[in-house]
Amino acid sequence: MPIATINPVTGETLQTFESLTQIQLEEKLERAATTFRSYRHTSFAERETLMLGAAELLESDKSTLARLMTIEMGKP
């Protein structure tokens, strides 16, 4: 069953996403577990670098992300 992002004001479907199969879900969960086992050994300095990189990505696209969040919450 597809998952839809809907504008609550207009009822317009903004985007649909296909549900994961059981196999896809299990693969993603295994990847997350494997990543966690590795990530838990990273230093604070390495984590800081990763978080700053994520912040830069969000900052560089903040207008697009802000518009999307506003639409998804049903604001004008």
Foldseek 3Di string as FASTA:
>chain_A
DKDFQAQPQPRDTPDIGDDDDPVRVVVVVVVVVVVCVVVVPDDPVVVVVVVVVVVVVCVVCVVVVVVVVCRSPNHD
